[in-house]
Amino acid sequence: MNSLETVSGLRRRIQRDEIDRVFSRDQIDRVHLAVPEGGRLKTVRTALGMTAGQLGRRVGVSQNAISEAEAAETTGGITLRTIRKIADGLNCDLVYALVPRDSMAAMVRNQANLAARRMVIEVSHGMSLEEQSTGAATLESEIDAVRERLIAQDSRQIWD
């Protein structure tokens, strides 16, 4: 841990590294994560050769409730509780995951860069009004330094 990195900053960096490890491009086949056209519930149910009425009886709801749940899944209007209940009736486990589109480190670095750029340019603008402006290379160097401090100290403030 460098001298600028706080304990909470270190903890968050370790969490990001672990998420990146679990969801690395080598580990996740994103094609298989795509939702089938009719939704996962209906796809599994029909693959098993089960009717909506049969599934409804297994989970204690009507055939219509199953059809409504399957439709709600395709529009994003279904609850995790309902999916879990129906998945159980299909003898399936519900696996819920947020899969980052990019590495966690890259997302934090990009956001920290935006925040650092805003901060440095704001200060630079004030200095230019006082005729104390700096060159572009100095400005970029300062942005880099502020970005690294933001990441090391407390990445929560980069999301404002």
C-alpha atoms as a PDB file:
ATOM      1  CA  MET A   1       0.000   0.000   0.000  1.00  0.00           C
ATOM      2  CA  ASN A   2       1.515   3.330  -0.970  1.00  0.00           C
ATOM      3  CA  SER A   3       1.534   6.138   1.563  1.00  0.00           C
ATOM      4  CA  LEU A   4      -1.437   7.870  -0.076  1.00  0.00           C
ATOM      5  CA  GLU A   5      -3.688   4.817  -0.219  1.00  0.00           C
ATOM      6  CA  THR A   6      -6.155   4.613   2.649  1.00  0.00           C
ATOM      7  CA  VAL A   7      -7.288   1.370   4.235  1.00  0.00           C
ATOM      8  CA  SER A   8     -10.759   1.795   2.735  1.00  0.00           C
ATOM      9  CA  GLY A   9      -9.178   2.635  -0.628  1.00  0.00           C
ATOM     10  CA  LEU A  10      -7.117  -0.553  -0.412  1.00  0.00           C
ATOM     11  CA  ARG A  11     -10.222  -2.557   0.488  1.00  0.00           C
ATOM     12  CA  ARG A  12     -12.097  -1.151  -2.518  1.00  0.00           C
ATOM     13  CA  ARG A  13      -9.136  -1.851  -4.818  1.00  0.00           C
ATOM     14  CA  ILE A  14      -9.017  -5.471  -3.602  1.00  0.00           C
ATOM     15  CA  GLN A  15     -12.775  -5.790  -4.226  1.00  0.00           C
ATOM     16  CA  ARG A  16     -12.347  -4.393  -7.747  1.00  0.00           C
ATOM     17  CA  ASP A  17      -9.473  -6.789  -8.436  1.00  0.00           C
ATOM     18  CA  GLU A  18     -11.572  -9.738  -7.262  1.00  0.00           C
ATOM     19  CA  ILE A  19     -14.530  -8.729  -9.453  1.00  0.00           C
ATOM     20  CA  ASP A  20     -12.157  -8.337 -12.405  1.00  0.00           C
ATOM     21  CA  ARG A  21     -10.744 -11.811 -11.705  1.00  0.00           C
ATOM     22  CA  VAL A  22     -14.176 -13.452 -11.504  1.00  0.00           C
ATOM     23  CA  PHE A  23     -15.584 -11.663 -14.544  1.00  0.00           C
ATOM     24  CA  SER A  24     -12.516 -11.602 -16.753  1.00  0.00           C
ATOM     25  CA  ARG A  25     -13.032 -11.868 -20.498  1.00  0.00           C
ATOM     26  CA  ASP A  26     -11.556 -15.377 -20.319  1.00  0.00           C
ATOM     27  CA  GLN A  27     -14.100 -16.521 -17.723  1.00  0.00           C
ATOM     28  CA  ILE A  28     -17.346 -15.137 -19.159  1.00  0.00           C
ATOM     29  CA  ASP A  29     -18.881 -16.109 -22.460  1.00  0.00           C
ATOM     30  CA  ARG A  30     -21.088 -13.061 -22.989  1.00  0.00           C
ATOM     31  CA  VAL A  31     -22.928 -14.717 -25.864  1.00  0.00           C
ATOM     32  CA  HIS A  32     -24.376 -17.227 -23.427  1.00  0.00           C
ATOM     33  CA  LEU A  33     -25.436 -14.450 -21.069  1.00  0.00           C
ATOM     34  CA  ALA A  34     -27.785 -12.989 -23.669  1.00  0.00           C
ATOM     35  CA  VAL A  35     -31.469 -13.503 -22.877  1.00  0.00           C
ATOM     36  CA  PRO A  36     -33.180 -15.877 -25.331  1.00  0.00           C
ATOM     37  CA  GLU A  37     -35.911 -14.263 -27.451  1.00  0.00           C
ATOM     38  CA  GLY A  38     -38.815 -15.657 -25.398  1.00  0.00           C
ATOM     39  CA  GLY A  39     -37.036 -15.213 -22.068  1.00  0.00           C
ATOM     40  CA  ARG A  40     -35.174 -17.726 -19.939  1.00  0.00           C
ATOM     41  CA  LEU A  41     -38.194 -19.024 -18.036  1.00  0.00           C
ATOM     42  CA  LYS A  42     -40.172 -19.952 -21.131  1.00  0.00           C
ATOM     43  CA  THR A  43     -37.087 -21.318 -22.888  1.00  0.00           C
ATOM     44  CA  VAL A  44     -36.276 -23.695 -20.017  1.00  0.00           C
ATOM     45  CA  ARG A  45     -39.921 -24.661 -19.501  1.00  0.00           C
ATOM     46  CA  THR A  46     -40.467 -25.540 -23.161  1.00  0.00           C
ATOM     47  CA  ALA A  47     -37.097 -27.319 -23.398  1.00  0.00           C
ATOM     48  CA  LEU A  48     -38.277 -29.527 -20.530  1.00  0.00           C
ATOM     49  CA  GLY A  49     -41.536 -30.207 -22.400  1.00  0.00           C
ATOM     50  CA  MET A  50     -43.573 -28.661 -19.593  1.00  0.00           C
ATOM     51  CA  THR A  51     -46.745 -26.643 -20.146  1.00  0.00           C
ATOM     52  CA  ALA A  52     -47.445 -23.371 -18.350  1.00  0.00           C
ATOM     53  CA  GLY A  53     -50.280 -25.151 -16.511  1.00  0.00           C
ATOM     54  CA  GLN A  54     -47.975 -27.922 -15.312  1.00  0.00           C
ATOM     55  CA  LEU A  55     -45.387 -25.412 -14.102  1.00  0.00           C
ATOM     56  CA  GLY A  56     -48.123 -23.379 -12.425  1.00  0.00           C
ATOM     57  CA  ARG A  57     -49.261 -26.435 -10.450  1.00  0.00           C
ATOM     58  CA  ARG A  58     -45.662 -27.137  -9.403  1.00  0.00           C
ATOM     59  CA  VAL A  59     -45.256 -23.642  -7.965  1.00  0.00           C
ATOM     60  CA  GLY A  60     -48.822 -23.120  -6.748  1.00  0.00           C
ATOM     61  CA  VAL A  61     -50.034 -20.508  -9.224  1.00  0.00           C
ATOM     62  CA  SER A  62     -52.331 -20.487 -12.255  1.00  0.00           C
ATOM     63  CA  GLN A  63     -51.307 -21.136 -15.834  1.00  0.00           C
ATOM     64  CA  ASN A  64     -52.147 -17.496 -16.522  1.00  0.00           C
ATOM     65  CA  ALA A  65     -49.750 -16.369 -13.748  1.00  0.00           C
ATOM     66  CA  ILE A  66     -46.936 -18.343 -15.399  1.00  0.00           C
ATOM     67  CA  SER A  67     -47.717 -16.813 -18.804  1.00  0.00           C
ATOM     68  CA  GLU A  68     -47.798 -13.334 -17.230  1.00  0.00           C
ATOM     69  CA  ALA A  69     -44.463 -13.966 -15.473  1.00  0.00           C
ATOM     70  CA  GLU A  70     -42.867 -15.144 -18.706  1.00  0.00           C
ATOM     71  CA  ALA A  71     -44.128 -12.039 -20.498  1.00  0.00           C
ATOM     72  CA  ALA A  72     -42.967  -9.812 -17.629  1.00  0.00           C
ATOM     73  CA  GLU A  73     -39.505 -11.343 -17.831  1.00  0.00           C
ATOM     74  CA  THR A  74     -39.158 -10.285 -21.469  1.00  0.00           C
ATOM     75  CA  THR A  75     -40.046  -6.666 -20.610  1.00  0.00           C
ATOM     76  CA  GLY A  76     -37.966  -6.499 -17.419  1.00  0.00           C
ATOM     77  CA  GLY A  77     -41.053  -6.226 -15.211  1.00  0.00           C
ATOM     78  CA  ILE A  78     -40.550  -9.406 -13.186  1.00  0.00           C
ATOM     79  CA  THR A  79     -39.204  -9.557  -9.639  1.00  0.00           C
ATOM     80  CA  LEU A  80     -36.295 -11.684  -8.515  1.00  0.00           C
ATOM     81  CA  ARG A  81     -38.635 -13.331  -6.006  1.00  0.00           C
ATOM     82  CA  THR A  82     -40.943 -14.475  -8.821  1.00  0.00           C
ATOM     83  CA  ILE A  83     -38.056 -15.705 -10.975  1.00  0.00           C
ATOM     84  CA  ARG A  84     -36.622 -17.610  -8.004  1.00  0.00           C
ATOM     85  CA  LYS A  85     -39.991 -19.258  -7.293  1.00  0.00           C
ATOM     86  CA  ILE A  86     -40.516 -20.304 -10.910  1.00  0.00           C
ATOM     87  CA  ALA A  87     -36.887 -21.402 -11.288  1.00  0.00           C
ATOM     88  CA  ASP A  88     -37.399 -23.678  -8.291  1.00  0.00           C
ATOM     89  CA  GLY A  89     -40.423 -25.197 -10.047  1.00  0.00           C
ATOM     90  CA  LEU A  90     -38.179 -25.804 -13.062  1.00  0.00           C
ATOM     91  CA  ASN A  91     -35.571 -27.445 -10.786  1.00  0.00           C
ATOM     92  CA  CYS A  92     -33.182 -24.587 -11.578  1.00  0.00           C
ATOM     93  CA  ASP A  93     -31.157 -22.213  -9.453  1.00  0.00           C
ATOM     94  CA  LEU A  94     -31.389 -18.479 -10.012  1.00  0.00           C
ATOM     95  CA  VAL A  95     -27.945 -16.997 -10.548  1.00  0.00           C
ATOM     96  CA  TYR A  96     -27.927 -13.194 -10.364  1.00  0.00           C
ATOM     97  CA  ALA A  97     -24.865 -11.266 -11.489  1.00  0.00           C
ATOM     98  CA  LEU A  98     -23.795  -7.824 -12.549  1.00  0.00           C
ATOM     99  CA  VAL A  99     -21.162  -8.354 -15.238  1.00  0.00           C
ATOM    100  CA  PRO A 100     -18.944  -5.316 -15.759  1.00  0.00           C
ATOM    101  CA  ARG A 101     -18.649  -4.169 -19.382  1.00  0.00           C
ATOM    102  CA  ASP A 102     -15.035  -3.216 -18.779  1.00  0.00           C
ATOM    103  CA  SER A 103     -12.527  -3.982 -16.035  1.00  0.00           C
ATOM    104  CA  MET A 104     -13.319  -2.364 -12.699  1.00  0.00           C
ATOM    105  CA  ALA A 105      -9.843  -0.804 -12.688  1.00  0.00           C
ATOM    106  CA  ALA A 106     -10.464   0.775 -16.101  1.00  0.00           C
ATOM    107  CA  MET A 107     -13.870   2.123 -15.054  1.00  0.00           C
ATOM    108  CA  VAL A 108     -12.423   3.724 -11.914  1.00  0.00           C
ATOM    109  CA  ARG A 109      -9.414   5.069 -13.807  1.00  0.00           C
ATOM    110  CA  ASN A 110     -11.606   6.607 -16.548  1.00  0.00           C
ATOM    111  CA  GLN A 111     -13.976   8.192 -14.033  1.00  0.00           C
ATOM    112  CA  ALA A 112     -11.067   9.444 -11.905  1.00  0.00           C
ATOM    113  CA  ASN A 113      -9.532  10.949 -15.024  1.00  0.00           C
ATOM    114  CA  LEU A 114     -12.762  12.853 -15.761  1.00  0.00           C
ATOM    115  CA  ALA A 115     -12.969  14.095 -12.174  1.00  0.00           C
ATOM    116  CA  ALA A 116      -9.293  15.088 -12.107  1.00  0.00           C
ATOM    117  CA  ARG A 117      -9.636  16.905 -15.423  1.00  0.00           C
ATOM    118  CA  ARG A 118     -12.647  18.878 -14.097  1.00  0.00           C
ATOM    119  CA  MET A 119     -10.786  19.801 -10.908  1.00  0.00           C
ATOM    120  CA  VAL A 120      -7.533  20.817 -12.571  1.00  0.00           C
ATOM    121  CA  ILE A 121      -9.211  22.768 -15.366  1.00  0.00           C
ATOM    122  CA  GLU A 122     -11.351  24.624 -12.845  1.00  0.00           C
ATOM    123  CA  VAL A 123      -8.241  25.658 -10.908  1.00  0.00           C
ATOM    124  CA  SER A 124      -6.368  26.387 -14.137  1.00  0.00           C
ATOM    125  CA  HIS A 125      -9.197  28.628 -15.319  1.00  0.00           C
ATOM    126  CA  GLY A 126      -9.004  30.584 -12.072  1.00  0.00           C
ATOM    127  CA  MET A 127      -5.248  30.913 -12.443  1.00  0.00           C
ATOM    128  CA  SER A 128      -5.574  32.133 -16.041  1.00  0.00           C
ATOM    129  CA  LEU A 129      -7.942  34.865 -14.862  1.00  0.00           C
ATOM    130  CA  GLU A 130      -5.125  35.954 -12.564  1.00  0.00           C
ATOM    131  CA  GLU A 131      -2.659  35.663 -15.475  1.00  0.00           C
ATOM    132  CA  GLN A 132      -0.914  32.662 -13.864  1.00  0.00           C
ATOM    133  CA  SER A 133      -1.737  30.025 -16.477  1.00  0.00           C
ATOM    134  CA  THR A 134       0.428  26.957 -17.074  1.00  0.00           C
ATOM    135  CA  GLY A 135       1.310  25.098 -20.259  1.00  0.00           C
ATOM    136  CA  ALA A 136      -0.590  22.115 -21.663  1.00  0.00           C
ATOM    137  CA  ALA A 137       2.109  19.628 -20.614  1.00  0.00           C
ATOM    138  CA  THR A 138       2.029  20.900 -17.037  1.00  0.00           C
ATOM    139  CA  LEU A 139      -1.768  20.747 -17.069  1.00  0.00           C
ATOM    140  CA  GLU A 140      -1.770  17.099 -18.253  1.00  0.00           C
ATOM    141  CA  SER A 141       0.881  16.190 -15.692  1.00  0.00           C
ATOM    142  CA  GLU A 142      -1.233  17.719 -12.921  1.00  0.00           C
ATOM    143  CA  ILE A 143      -4.336  15.867 -14.165  1.00  0.00           C
ATOM    144  CA  ASP A 144      -2.377  12.591 -14.005  1.00  0.00           C
ATOM    145  CA  ALA A 145      -1.209  13.330 -10.461  1.00  0.00           C
ATOM    146  CA  VAL A 146      -4.695  14.292  -9.237  1.00  0.00           C
ATOM    147  CA  ARG A 147      -6.217  11.193 -10.888  1.00  0.00           C
ATOM    148  CA  GLU A 148      -3.764   8.895  -9.111  1.00  0.00           C
ATOM    149  CA  ARG A 149      -4.410  10.615  -5.756  1.00  0.00           C
ATOM    150  CA  LEU A 150      -8.164  10.273  -6.231  1.00  0.00           C
ATOM    151  CA  ILE A 151      -7.850   6.555  -6.974  1.00  0.00           C
ATOM    152  CA  ALA A 152      -5.453   5.892  -4.109  1.00  0.00           C
ATOM    153  CA  GLN A 153      -7.175   7.940  -1.425  1.00  0.00           C
ATOM    154  CA  ASP A 154     -10.909   7.573  -1.885  1.00  0.00           C
ATOM    155  CA  SER A 155     -12.516   6.676  -5.183  1.00  0.00           C
ATOM    156  CA  ARG A 156     -15.999   7.532  -3.875  1.00  0.00           C
ATOM    157  CA  GLN A 157     -15.488  11.201  -4.638  1.00  0.00           C
ATOM    158  CA  ILE A 158     -14.887  10.577  -8.356  1.00  0.00           C
ATOM    159  CA  TRP A 159     -18.545   9.732  -8.997  1.00  0.00           C
ATOM    160  CA  ASP A 160     -19.969  13.181  -8.200  1.00  0.00           C
END
